[in-house]
Amino acid sequence: HVQLVESGGGSVQAGGSLRLSCAASGLSVSSNCMGWFRQAPGKEREGVAHIHRRDGITHYSDSVKGRFTISQDNAKNMMYLQMDSLEPEDTAMYLCAAGKVLEFSDGSSAGCERGVYKIWGQGTQVTVS
């Protein structure tokens, strides 16, 4: 049974920090990408940070670069998002997801920020005031 469960959300004042966790179970080795996404009311879902499960290569959106840090503990099947210097604009539901790199016919592949994500958690709310 494949499952992703987020935790660690909450309410914080601007400038504060939160650490989100994502517990994964049942993922196959073919799910080589994981990522954190967020969705605010009335806005499109945005990918904020991605990590390759084997290589550990990370990618951040411009909106969070330098403030958020994605990490993983493969032995514990956990992924984390350390969020520092939080801003009201960071208020959203944060979801973790698992997927695969996008592969091309010439054998090359794109980074996890362009991955195909089909496994999603329920989300954890982050509110910054």
N, C-alpha and C. Protein backbone atom coordinates (compact mmCIF):
# COMPACT_ATOMS: atom_id res chain seq x y z
N HIS A 1 0.86 -1.18 0.00
CA HIS A 1 0.00 0.00 0.00
C HIS A 1 0.90 1.23 0.00
N VAL A 2 0.80 2.04 -1.04
CA VAL A 2 1.61 3.24 -1.16
C VAL A 2 0.95 4.39 -0.41
N GLN A 3 1.72 5.07 0.42
CA GLN A 3 1.15 6.15 1.21
C GLN A 3 2.19 7.21 1.52
N LEU A 4 1.76 8.45 1.48
CA LEU A 4 2.57 9.58 1.90
C LEU A 4 1.79 10.35 2.95
N VAL A 5 2.43 10.64 4.08
CA VAL A 5 1.74 11.34 5.16
C VAL A 5 2.60 12.52 5.60
N GLU A 6 2.03 13.72 5.46
CA GLU A 6 2.74 14.93 5.85
C GLU A 6 2.42 15.29 7.30
N SER A 7 3.35 16.00 7.92
CA SER A 7 3.13 16.54 9.26
C SER A 7 4.03 17.75 9.46
N GLY A 8 3.75 18.51 10.51
CA GLY A 8 4.62 19.63 10.86
C GLY A 8 4.10 21.00 10.52
N GLY A 9 2.95 21.07 9.86
CA GLY A 9 2.40 22.38 9.53
C GLY A 9 1.90 23.09 10.78
N GLY A 10 1.54 24.34 10.60
CA GLY A 10 1.02 25.11 11.72
C GLY A 10 0.99 26.58 11.39
N SER A 11 0.78 27.39 12.43
CA SER A 11 0.74 28.83 12.28
C SER A 11 2.00 29.44 12.87
N VAL A 12 2.57 30.38 12.17
CA VAL A 12 3.82 31.00 12.61
C VAL A 12 3.82 32.46 12.17
N GLN A 13 4.54 33.27 12.89
CA GLN A 13 4.68 34.67 12.51
C GLN A 13 5.72 34.82 11.41
N ALA A 14 5.59 35.87 10.65
CA ALA A 14 6.55 36.16 9.59
C ALA A 14 7.96 36.21 10.17
N GLY A 15 8.88 35.60 9.46
CA GLY A 15 10.26 35.51 9.92
C GLY A 15 10.56 34.23 10.68
N GLY A 16 9.51 33.50 11.03
CA GLY A 16 9.69 32.27 11.77
C GLY A 16 10.04 31.08 10.90
N SER A 17 10.10 29.91 11.53
CA SER A 17 10.50 28.69 10.84
C SER A 17 9.53 27.55 11.16
N LEU A 18 9.44 26.62 10.23
CA LEU A 18 8.71 25.38 10.42
C LEU A 18 9.48 24.28 9.70
N ARG A 19 9.31 23.05 10.18
CA ARG A 19 9.90 21.90 9.51
C ARG A 19 8.80 20.91 9.20
N LEU A 20 8.59 20.67 7.93
CA LEU A 20 7.61 19.70 7.49
C LEU A 20 8.26 18.34 7.30
N SER A 21 7.49 17.30 7.58
CA SER A 21 7.96 15.93 7.39
C SER A 21 6.99 15.19 6.48
N CYS A 22 7.53 14.25 5.72
CA CYS A 22 6.71 13.40 4.86
C CYS A 22 7.17 11.96 5.08
N ALA A 23 6.28 11.14 5.61
CA ALA A 23 6.57 9.73 5.83
C ALA A 23 6.05 8.93 4.65
N ALA A 24 6.95 8.19 4.02
CA ALA A 24 6.59 7.41 2.84
C ALA A 24 6.58 5.93 3.16
N SER A 25 5.63 5.24 2.56
CA SER A 25 5.59 3.78 2.71
C SER A 25 5.13 3.17 1.39
N GLY A 26 5.69 2.02 1.07
CA GLY A 26 5.26 1.28 -0.11
C GLY A 26 5.77 1.81 -1.43
N LEU A 27 6.70 2.76 -1.42
CA LEU A 27 7.20 3.30 -2.68
C LEU A 27 8.11 2.29 -3.37
N SER A 28 7.99 2.19 -4.67
CA SER A 28 8.89 1.33 -5.43
C SER A 28 10.15 2.10 -5.79
N VAL A 29 11.18 1.37 -6.21
CA VAL A 29 12.43 2.04 -6.59
C VAL A 29 12.27 2.88 -7.83
N SER A 30 11.20 2.61 -8.59
CA SER A 30 10.98 3.39 -9.81
C SER A 30 10.52 4.81 -9.49
N SER A 31 10.03 5.02 -8.27
CA SER A 31 9.67 6.39 -7.85
C SER A 31 10.95 7.08 -7.41
N ASN A 32 11.67 7.66 -8.39
CA ASN A 32 12.99 8.19 -8.08
C ASN A 32 13.00 9.68 -7.75
N CYS A 33 11.84 10.30 -7.75
CA CYS A 33 11.76 11.71 -7.38
C CYS A 33 10.76 11.92 -6.26
N MET A 34 11.06 12.87 -5.40
CA MET A 34 10.09 13.33 -4.42
C MET A 34 10.12 14.84 -4.39
N GLY A 35 8.97 15.39 -4.03
CA GLY A 35 8.91 16.85 -4.03
C GLY A 35 7.90 17.39 -3.05
N TRP A 36 8.07 18.65 -2.75
CA TRP A 36 7.10 19.41 -1.95
C TRP A 36 6.41 20.40 -2.87
N PHE A 37 5.11 20.41 -2.79
CA PHE A 37 4.29 21.33 -3.56
C PHE A 37 3.42 22.12 -2.59
N ARG A 38 2.90 23.25 -3.05
CA ARG A 38 1.99 24.01 -2.21
C ARG A 38 0.87 24.59 -3.07
N GLN A 39 -0.26 24.77 -2.42
CA GLN A 39 -1.40 25.35 -3.11
C GLN A 39 -2.13 26.28 -2.17
N ALA A 40 -2.23 27.53 -2.57
CA ALA A 40 -2.97 28.53 -1.82
C ALA A 40 -4.34 28.72 -2.46
N PRO A 41 -5.33 29.16 -1.68
CA PRO A 41 -6.67 29.36 -2.24
C PRO A 41 -6.64 30.28 -3.45
N GLY A 42 -7.26 29.83 -4.53
CA GLY A 42 -7.34 30.65 -5.73
C GLY A 42 -6.10 30.65 -6.58
N LYS A 43 -5.09 29.87 -6.19
CA LYS A 43 -3.84 29.84 -6.95
C LYS A 43 -3.56 28.42 -7.45
N GLU A 44 -2.75 28.33 -8.48
CA GLU A 44 -2.36 27.02 -9.01
C GLU A 44 -1.35 26.35 -8.07
N ARG A 45 -1.33 25.03 -8.12
CA ARG A 45 -0.36 24.28 -7.35
C ARG A 45 1.04 24.61 -7.84
N GLU A 46 1.94 24.81 -6.89
CA GLU A 46 3.31 25.23 -7.22
C GLU A 46 4.30 24.24 -6.64
N GLY A 47 5.23 23.79 -7.45
CA GLY A 47 6.31 22.95 -6.95
C GLY A 47 7.36 23.83 -6.29
N VAL A 48 7.71 23.58 -5.04
CA VAL A 48 8.65 24.46 -4.35
C VAL A 48 10.02 23.82 -4.16
N ALA A 49 10.09 22.51 -4.00
CA ALA A 49 11.38 21.86 -3.80
C ALA A 49 11.28 20.40 -4.21
N HIS A 50 12.35 19.91 -4.84
CA HIS A 50 12.36 18.54 -5.34
C HIS A 50 13.71 17.90 -5.03
N ILE A 51 13.70 16.57 -4.87
CA ILE A 51 14.94 15.86 -4.59
C ILE A 51 14.92 14.51 -5.27
N HIS A 52 16.07 14.12 -5.84
CA HIS A 52 16.20 12.80 -6.44
C HIS A 52 16.53 11.81 -5.33
N ARG A 53 15.77 10.75 -5.26
CA ARG A 53 15.90 9.82 -4.13
C ARG A 53 17.26 9.12 -4.11
N ARG A 54 17.85 8.86 -5.28
CA ARG A 54 19.13 8.16 -5.29
C ARG A 54 20.30 9.13 -5.26
N ASP A 55 20.24 10.16 -6.11
CA ASP A 55 21.37 11.07 -6.25
C ASP A 55 21.39 12.19 -5.23
N GLY A 56 20.19 12.48 -4.65
CA GLY A 56 20.12 13.58 -3.69
C GLY A 56 20.17 14.95 -4.32
N ILE A 57 20.10 15.02 -5.65
CA ILE A 57 20.12 16.32 -6.32
C ILE A 57 18.83 17.06 -6.00
N THR A 58 18.98 18.33 -5.64
CA THR A 58 17.83 19.13 -5.23
C THR A 58 17.57 20.28 -6.21
N HIS A 59 16.35 20.76 -6.17
CA HIS A 59 15.96 21.91 -6.99
C HIS A 59 14.92 22.70 -6.22
N TYR A 60 15.03 24.03 -6.29
CA TYR A 60 14.10 24.90 -5.59
C TYR A 60 13.48 25.90 -6.55
N SER A 61 12.24 26.26 -6.26
CA SER A 61 11.64 27.34 -7.03
C SER A 61 12.29 28.65 -6.60
N ASP A 62 12.24 29.62 -7.47
CA ASP A 62 12.84 30.92 -7.16
C ASP A 62 12.20 31.55 -5.93
N SER A 63 10.93 31.27 -5.69
CA SER A 63 10.21 31.89 -4.58
C SER A 63 10.69 31.42 -3.21
N VAL A 64 11.36 30.28 -3.15
CA VAL A 64 11.80 29.76 -1.84
C VAL A 64 13.30 29.55 -1.75
N LYS A 65 14.00 29.73 -2.86
CA LYS A 65 15.44 29.48 -2.89
C LYS A 65 16.14 30.34 -1.85
N GLY A 66 16.99 29.71 -1.05
CA GLY A 66 17.72 30.41 -0.01
C GLY A 66 17.00 30.45 1.32
N ARG A 67 15.73 30.07 1.34
CA ARG A 67 14.94 30.06 2.59
C ARG A 67 14.50 28.66 2.98
N PHE A 68 14.23 27.81 2.00
CA PHE A 68 13.76 26.45 2.26
C PHE A 68 14.87 25.46 1.93
N THR A 69 14.89 24.35 2.67
CA THR A 69 15.85 23.29 2.42
C THR A 69 15.13 21.95 2.43
N ILE A 70 15.25 21.21 1.33
CA ILE A 70 14.67 19.88 1.25
C ILE A 70 15.74 18.85 1.59
N SER A 71 15.34 17.80 2.29
CA SER A 71 16.29 16.74 2.63
C SER A 71 15.54 15.43 2.74
N GLN A 72 16.29 14.34 2.83
CA GLN A 72 15.66 13.03 2.94
C GLN A 72 16.50 12.11 3.82
N ASP A 73 15.84 11.15 4.40
CA ASP A 73 16.50 10.08 5.14
C ASP A 73 15.95 8.79 4.56
N ASN A 74 16.67 8.24 3.60
CA ASN A 74 16.15 7.07 2.89
C ASN A 74 16.03 5.85 3.81
N ALA A 75 16.87 5.77 4.81
CA ALA A 75 16.80 4.64 5.75
C ALA A 75 15.48 4.65 6.52
N LYS A 76 14.93 5.85 6.74
CA LYS A 76 13.68 5.98 7.47
C LYS A 76 12.49 6.25 6.55
N ASN A 77 12.75 6.32 5.24
CA ASN A 77 11.69 6.64 4.27
C ASN A 77 11.01 7.96 4.62
N MET A 78 11.84 8.94 4.92
CA MET A 78 11.33 10.26 5.30
C MET A 78 11.89 11.34 4.38
N MET A 79 11.09 12.37 4.18
CA MET A 79 11.53 13.56 3.47
C MET A 79 11.14 14.76 4.32
N TYR A 80 11.95 15.81 4.26
CA TYR A 80 11.72 16.97 5.11
C TYR A 80 11.78 18.25 4.28
N LEU A 81 11.15 19.28 4.81
CA LEU A 81 11.27 20.62 4.25
C LEU A 81 11.46 21.58 5.41
N GLN A 82 12.69 22.08 5.53
CA GLN A 82 12.97 23.10 6.53
C GLN A 82 12.66 24.45 5.91
N MET A 83 11.75 25.18 6.54
CA MET A 83 11.31 26.47 6.00
C MET A 83 11.72 27.57 6.98
N ASP A 84 12.59 28.43 6.55
CA ASP A 84 13.06 29.55 7.36
C ASP A 84 12.64 30.88 6.73
N SER A 85 12.72 31.93 7.52
CA SER A 85 12.36 33.28 7.04
C SER A 85 11.01 33.26 6.33
N LEU A 86 10.05 32.65 6.98
CA LEU A 86 8.74 32.50 6.36
C LEU A 86 8.07 33.85 6.16
N GLU A 87 7.33 33.93 5.07
CA GLU A 87 6.62 35.15 4.68
C GLU A 87 5.13 34.84 4.56
N PRO A 88 4.28 35.85 4.71
CA PRO A 88 2.84 35.60 4.55
C PRO A 88 2.51 34.95 3.22
N GLU A 89 3.31 35.24 2.20
CA GLU A 89 3.07 34.65 0.87
C GLU A 89 3.32 33.15 0.84
N ASP A 90 3.94 32.62 1.88
CA ASP A 90 4.18 31.17 1.96
C ASP A 90 2.97 30.42 2.50
N THR A 91 1.94 31.14 2.92
CA THR A 91 0.73 30.51 3.42
C THR A 91 0.09 29.65 2.35
N ALA A 92 -0.10 28.36 2.65
CA ALA A 92 -0.66 27.43 1.67
C ALA A 92 -0.81 26.06 2.31
N MET A 93 -1.48 25.18 1.60
CA MET A 93 -1.46 23.75 1.93
C MET A 93 -0.22 23.17 1.27
N TYR A 94 0.60 22.49 2.05
CA TYR A 94 1.82 21.89 1.53
C TYR A 94 1.62 20.39 1.40
N LEU A 95 1.95 19.89 0.22
CA LEU A 95 1.78 18.46 -0.07
C LEU A 95 3.11 17.85 -0.49
N CYS A 96 3.35 16.63 -0.07
CA CYS A 96 4.50 15.92 -0.59
C CYS A 96 4.01 14.95 -1.67
N ALA A 97 4.90 14.65 -2.59
CA ALA A 97 4.55 13.79 -3.71
C ALA A 97 5.74 12.96 -4.12
N ALA A 98 5.44 11.81 -4.72
CA ALA A 98 6.48 10.92 -5.24
C ALA A 98 6.21 10.68 -6.72
N GLY A 99 7.28 10.56 -7.49
CA GLY A 99 7.11 10.36 -8.92
C GLY A 99 8.38 9.89 -9.59
N LYS A 100 8.44 10.12 -10.90
CA LYS A 100 9.55 9.66 -11.70
C LYS A 100 10.11 10.81 -12.53
N VAL A 101 11.38 10.69 -12.87
CA VAL A 101 11.95 11.67 -13.79
C VAL A 101 11.29 11.53 -15.14
N LEU A 102 11.22 12.62 -15.86
CA LEU A 102 10.70 12.62 -17.22
C LEU A 102 11.81 12.17 -18.16
N GLU A 103 11.61 11.04 -18.84
CA GLU A 103 12.62 10.48 -19.71
C GLU A 103 12.31 10.79 -21.17
N PHE A 104 13.36 11.03 -21.95
CA PHE A 104 13.19 11.36 -23.35
C PHE A 104 13.67 10.20 -24.23
N SER A 105 13.27 10.23 -25.49
CA SER A 105 13.53 9.13 -26.41
C SER A 105 15.02 8.94 -26.67
N ASP A 106 15.84 9.96 -26.46
CA ASP A 106 17.27 9.83 -26.70
C ASP A 106 18.01 9.29 -25.47
N GLY A 107 17.25 8.92 -24.45
CA GLY A 107 17.86 8.35 -23.27
C GLY A 107 18.17 9.35 -22.17
N SER A 108 18.05 10.62 -22.48
CA SER A 108 18.30 11.64 -21.46
C SER A 108 17.05 11.79 -20.58
N SER A 109 17.21 12.52 -19.51
CA SER A 109 16.07 12.75 -18.62
C SER A 109 16.16 14.14 -18.01
N ALA A 110 15.04 14.64 -17.60
CA ALA A 110 15.00 15.96 -16.97
C ALA A 110 15.17 15.79 -15.45
N GLY A 111 15.37 16.89 -14.76
CA GLY A 111 15.48 16.85 -13.32
C GLY A 111 14.14 16.62 -12.66
N CYS A 112 14.17 16.36 -11.36
CA CYS A 112 12.95 16.05 -10.64
C CYS A 112 11.96 17.21 -10.61
N GLU A 113 12.45 18.43 -10.85
CA GLU A 113 11.52 19.55 -10.89
C GLU A 113 10.58 19.45 -12.08
N ARG A 114 10.92 18.60 -13.05
CA ARG A 114 10.05 18.35 -14.20
C ARG A 114 9.51 16.93 -14.17
N GLY A 115 9.59 16.28 -13.00
CA GLY A 115 9.15 14.92 -12.89
C GLY A 115 7.64 14.75 -13.03
N VAL A 116 7.23 13.51 -13.18
CA VAL A 116 5.81 13.17 -13.28
C VAL A 116 5.41 12.60 -11.93
N TYR A 117 4.58 13.33 -11.21
CA TYR A 117 4.19 12.96 -9.84
C TYR A 117 2.77 12.43 -9.82
N LYS A 118 2.63 11.19 -9.37
CA LYS A 118 1.31 10.58 -9.34
C LYS A 118 0.88 10.12 -7.95
N ILE A 119 1.79 10.17 -6.99
CA ILE A 119 1.47 9.74 -5.62
C ILE A 119 1.52 10.97 -4.73
N TRP A 120 0.42 11.25 -4.04
CA TRP A 120 0.30 12.48 -3.27
C TRP A 120 -0.15 12.20 -1.85
N GLY A 121 0.32 13.04 -0.94
CA GLY A 121 -0.19 13.00 0.42
C GLY A 121 -1.42 13.89 0.54
N GLN A 122 -1.97 13.95 1.75
CA GLN A 122 -3.17 14.73 1.99
C GLN A 122 -2.86 16.21 2.23
N GLY A 123 -1.64 16.51 2.64
CA GLY A 123 -1.26 17.90 2.84
C GLY A 123 -1.25 18.31 4.29
N THR A 124 -0.49 19.36 4.56
CA THR A 124 -0.44 19.97 5.89
C THR A 124 -0.46 21.48 5.70
N GLN A 125 -1.28 22.15 6.49
CA GLN A 125 -1.50 23.59 6.31
C GLN A 125 -0.40 24.40 6.99
N VAL A 126 0.10 25.38 6.27
CA VAL A 126 1.07 26.33 6.81
C VAL A 126 0.46 27.73 6.69
N THR A 127 0.38 28.42 7.81
CA THR A 127 -0.17 29.76 7.83
C THR A 127 0.85 30.72 8.43
N VAL A 128 1.20 31.75 7.69
CA VAL A 128 2.19 32.73 8.14
C VAL A 128 1.50 34.09 8.24
N SER A 129 1.57 34.68 9.41
CA SER A 129 0.89 35.98 9.60
C SER A 129 1.88 37.06 10.04
